[in-house]
Protein backbone atom coordinates (compact mmCIF):
# COMPACT_ATOMS: atom_id res chain seq x y z
CA MET A 1 14.23 3.05 -3.68
CA LYS A 2 14.71 2.59 -7.72
CA GLN A 3 17.17 4.85 -7.80
CA GLY A 4 19.60 3.09 -5.00
CA GLY A 5 17.65 4.66 -2.01
CA ASN A 6 16.39 2.35 0.81
CA ALA A 7 13.97 2.26 3.61
CA VAL A 8 15.70 4.71 5.83
CA ASP A 9 15.81 7.21 2.77
CA ALA A 10 11.67 6.56 2.06
CA MET A 11 11.01 7.38 6.13
CA VAL A 12 12.99 10.59 5.50
CA ALA A 13 10.59 11.67 2.53
CA MET A 14 7.68 10.95 4.20
CA GLN A 15 8.72 12.20 7.39
CA MET A 16 9.49 15.57 5.21
CA VAL A 17 6.01 15.23 3.98
CA MET A 18 4.46 15.36 7.40
CA SER A 19 6.19 18.45 8.30
CA VAL A 20 4.33 19.72 5.82
CA VAL A 21 0.77 18.05 6.08
CA GLU A 22 0.64 18.11 9.64
CA PRO A 23 3.30 20.76 11.24
CA ASP A 24 2.11 20.64 14.67
CA MET A 25 2.04 16.84 15.08
CA THR A 26 5.15 15.58 13.23
CA GLY A 27 8.30 16.80 11.61
CA ILE A 28 11.70 18.32 12.44
CA GLY A 29 11.97 19.59 16.60
CA GLY A 30 9.06 16.53 17.35
CA GLY A 31 9.43 13.11 18.55
CA THR A 32 10.04 9.71 17.06
CA PHE A 33 10.52 5.94 17.33
CA ALA A 34 12.06 3.84 14.58
CA LEU A 35 13.10 0.29 14.26
CA TYR A 36 15.87 -0.43 12.13
CA TYR A 37 16.95 -3.73 10.34
CA ASP A 38 20.23 -4.06 9.07
CA ASN A 39 20.25 -7.47 6.25
CA LYS A 40 24.20 -7.26 5.99
CA ALA A 41 24.51 -7.69 10.32
CA ASN A 42 21.36 -9.73 10.65
CA SER A 43 20.65 -7.13 13.51
CA PHE A 44 17.83 -4.36 14.39
CA THR A 45 18.54 -1.21 15.97
CA ALA A 46 15.88 0.58 17.83
CA TYR A 47 15.39 4.31 18.47
CA ASP A 48 13.71 6.39 20.64
CA GLY A 49 13.63 9.56 19.55
CA ARG A 50 11.10 11.14 21.71
CA ASP A 51 10.85 15.24 22.54
CA GLU A 52 11.31 16.38 25.67
CA ALA A 53 9.48 19.68 27.15
CA PRO A 54 12.07 22.85 26.81
CA SER A 55 12.94 24.01 30.40
CA SER A 56 11.02 26.97 30.51
CA ALA A 57 7.31 24.65 30.02
CA THR A 58 4.85 25.44 32.63
CA PRO A 59 1.57 23.10 33.03
CA ASP A 60 -0.56 26.54 32.59
CA MET A 61 1.09 27.44 29.84
CA PHE A 62 -2.06 26.58 27.21
CA LEU A 63 -4.72 27.84 29.61
CA ASP A 64 -6.29 31.05 29.04
CA ASP A 65 -6.73 34.03 32.05
CA ASN A 66 -9.34 31.69 33.33
CA GLY A 67 -7.84 28.28 33.29
CA LYS A 68 -9.26 26.86 29.94
CA ALA A 69 -7.38 25.37 27.66
CA ILE A 70 -6.77 27.29 24.38
CA SER A 71 -8.12 26.15 21.59
CA ARG A 72 -5.63 24.37 19.11
CA ASN A 73 -5.98 26.55 16.17
CA ASP A 74 -5.33 29.74 18.25
CA ILE A 75 -1.82 28.02 19.74
CA LEU A 76 -0.28 26.90 16.45
CA ALA A 77 1.06 30.03 14.24
CA THR A 78 1.39 28.31 11.05
CA PHE A 79 -2.49 26.91 11.11
CA GLY A 80 -3.11 30.49 12.10
CA CYS A 81 -1.49 32.00 9.72
CA TYR A 82 -2.88 29.47 6.73
CA SER A 83 -6.47 29.86 7.91
CA ARG A 84 -5.91 33.64 7.39
CA HIS A 85 -4.64 33.31 3.45
CA ILE A 86 -7.52 30.80 3.19
CA GLU A 87 -10.03 33.05 4.21
CA ALA A 88 -8.47 35.84 2.09
CA SER A 89 -8.96 32.89 -0.79
CA VAL A 90 -12.25 31.98 -0.60
CA PRO A 91 -15.49 34.23 -0.69
CA HIS A 92 -17.51 34.92 1.95
CA SER A 93 -15.46 32.28 3.82
CA SER A 94 -15.57 35.26 6.72
CA LYS A 95 -19.21 35.27 7.23
CA THR A 96 -19.44 31.52 7.67
CA ARG A 97 -17.78 31.45 11.12
């Protein structure tokens, strides 16, 4: 903001960081609400950017064959990718499971 940016620039930068830190909870393709105040116009604008499920989504898409919820870790491909990388990098980590 010291270089001419504004609060919207800061919000976008923060959102990009959150996409890396919590990819399953936020980020591109996710939903959001934002309230923007335009100082020159002395007015607020509310943005409702809530996400919507794809038309192919079904109520049971995250259930296993026994009707139990699939674990979050098994659903998220990015987490699985990172966990395998971490396991390979940390000696004896697979023995602690």
